[in-house]
Protein backbone atom coordinates (compact mmCIF):
# COMPACT_ATOMS: atom_id res chain seq x y z
CA MET A 1 104.05 23.53 103.94
CA GLU A 2 107.70 23.90 103.82
CA LYS A 3 108.46 20.40 103.33
CA ALA A 4 106.30 20.18 100.28
CA ILE A 5 107.34 23.54 98.78
CA ARG A 6 111.17 22.13 99.39
CA LYS A 7 110.59 19.55 97.38
CA MET A 8 108.77 21.18 94.85
CA THR A 9 111.62 24.10 94.15
CA SER A 10 115.01 23.67 95.54
CA ALA A 11 114.98 19.58 95.96
CA ASN A 12 113.79 19.50 92.13
CA ALA A 13 116.30 21.76 91.06
CA ALA A 14 119.40 20.15 92.57
CA THR A 15 117.81 16.62 91.18
CA ILE A 16 118.97 18.12 87.71
CA HIS A 17 121.94 20.24 88.52
CA ILE A 18 120.13 23.58 88.50
CA TYR A 19 121.43 25.42 90.81
CA ASP A 20 120.47 28.60 90.22
CA ARG A 21 116.53 28.41 90.92
CA GLY A 22 114.68 26.80 93.63
CA LEU A 23 115.93 29.17 96.30
CA LEU A 24 115.28 32.99 96.60
CA ARG A 25 118.94 34.12 97.33
CA PRO A 26 120.88 37.26 95.71
CA GLY A 27 122.29 36.66 92.37
CA MET A 28 119.50 33.58 91.44
CA MET A 29 116.89 33.63 89.11
CA ALA A 30 113.67 35.09 90.56
CA ASP A 31 110.92 32.53 90.66
CA VAL A 32 107.85 33.00 92.58
CA THR A 33 104.39 32.08 93.05
CA VAL A 34 102.49 33.55 95.97
CA PHE A 35 98.90 31.77 96.75
CA ASP A 36 96.95 31.37 99.31
CA PRO A 37 96.68 27.64 100.83
CA ASN A 38 93.61 27.92 101.90
CA ARG A 39 92.13 28.77 98.40
CA LEU A 40 94.50 26.44 96.42
CA ILE A 41 92.50 24.36 93.97
CA ASP A 42 93.44 22.52 90.92
CA ASN A 43 90.77 23.26 88.22
CA ALA A 44 92.31 21.63 84.97
CA THR A 45 90.50 18.54 84.09
CA PHE A 46 91.28 16.21 80.75
CA GLU A 47 88.65 18.46 78.99
CA LYS A 48 90.07 21.58 79.65
CA PRO A 49 93.90 20.96 80.70
CA ARG A 50 94.54 24.56 81.00
CA ALA A 51 92.29 26.02 83.47
CA TYR A 52 94.02 28.00 85.96
CA ALA A 53 94.47 27.08 89.74
CA SER A 54 92.52 28.99 91.92
CA GLY A 55 94.39 30.58 94.77
CA ILE A 56 97.26 31.13 93.15
CA GLU A 57 97.38 35.24 93.47
CA TYR A 58 101.01 35.92 91.17
CA VAL A 59 103.41 34.19 89.28
CA VAL A 60 106.79 35.89 88.57
CA VAL A 61 109.51 34.03 86.57
CA ASN A 62 113.21 35.24 86.16
CA GLY A 63 112.30 37.97 87.81
CA GLY A 64 109.18 39.04 85.30
CA VAL A 65 105.42 39.12 86.47
CA VAL A 66 103.72 36.31 84.14
CA LEU A 67 100.57 36.08 86.38
CA ASP A 68 99.19 39.27 87.56
CA PRO A 69 95.32 39.64 88.71
CA ARG A 70 95.09 43.28 87.88
CA VAL A 71 96.71 42.69 84.28
CA PRO A 72 94.92 41.29 81.42
CA ARG A 73 97.03 38.16 80.75
CA ALA A 74 97.82 39.37 77.23
CA ALA A 75 99.38 42.28 78.66
CA VAL A 76 101.82 40.64 80.63
CA ARG A 77 105.24 40.22 79.78
CA SER A 78 108.36 38.63 81.29
CA THR A 79 112.08 40.17 81.43
CA ALA A 80 115.17 38.99 82.94
CA ALA A 81 116.04 39.49 86.17
CA VAL A 82 117.70 37.76 89.38
CA CYS A 83 116.91 38.24 92.89
CA GLY A 84 118.60 41.26 94.82
CA SER A 85 120.01 41.59 98.07
CA GLY A 86 116.77 44.16 99.04
CA SER A 87 114.23 41.42 97.86
CA ALA A 88 111.04 40.68 100.34
CA VAL A 89 108.58 37.97 99.97
CA VAL A 90 105.24 37.90 101.83
CA GLY A 91 103.36 34.81 102.25
CA ALA A 92 104.00 31.31 100.94
CA VAL A 93 106.56 30.75 98.12
CA THR A 94 107.01 27.94 95.60
CA ARG A 95 108.21 27.60 91.99
CA PHE A 96 105.83 27.45 88.95
CA GLN A 97 107.34 24.78 87.03
CA GLY A 98 106.83 25.04 83.18
CA VAL A 99 105.15 28.04 83.09
CA ALA A 100 102.99 28.64 80.17
CA LEU A 101 100.07 30.69 79.65
CA PRO A 102 96.85 29.48 78.27
CA PRO A 103 95.35 31.78 75.43
CA ALA A 104 93.82 34.83 76.69
């Protein structure tokens, strides 16, 4: 799991020379996906390419929550922030690339 997450996060960011992404460290942009690996299922099809994956609990981009199961999608807005020295992340973490929320 750790190797797969690294390939999706810091390895990709380094390959395309984006050095403030891909890791959770002070001063870096905080992009985080919190997911349950036992429930992670890609529900997208050719007919419904924007269907949400099951098992993804939260998505944070630039420090702002863009997916929260407790908040309707239309109400969630992202704001820029960086990962601070007091930040803590519990559970598996990966970068959610190309966040584009489907219409509510």
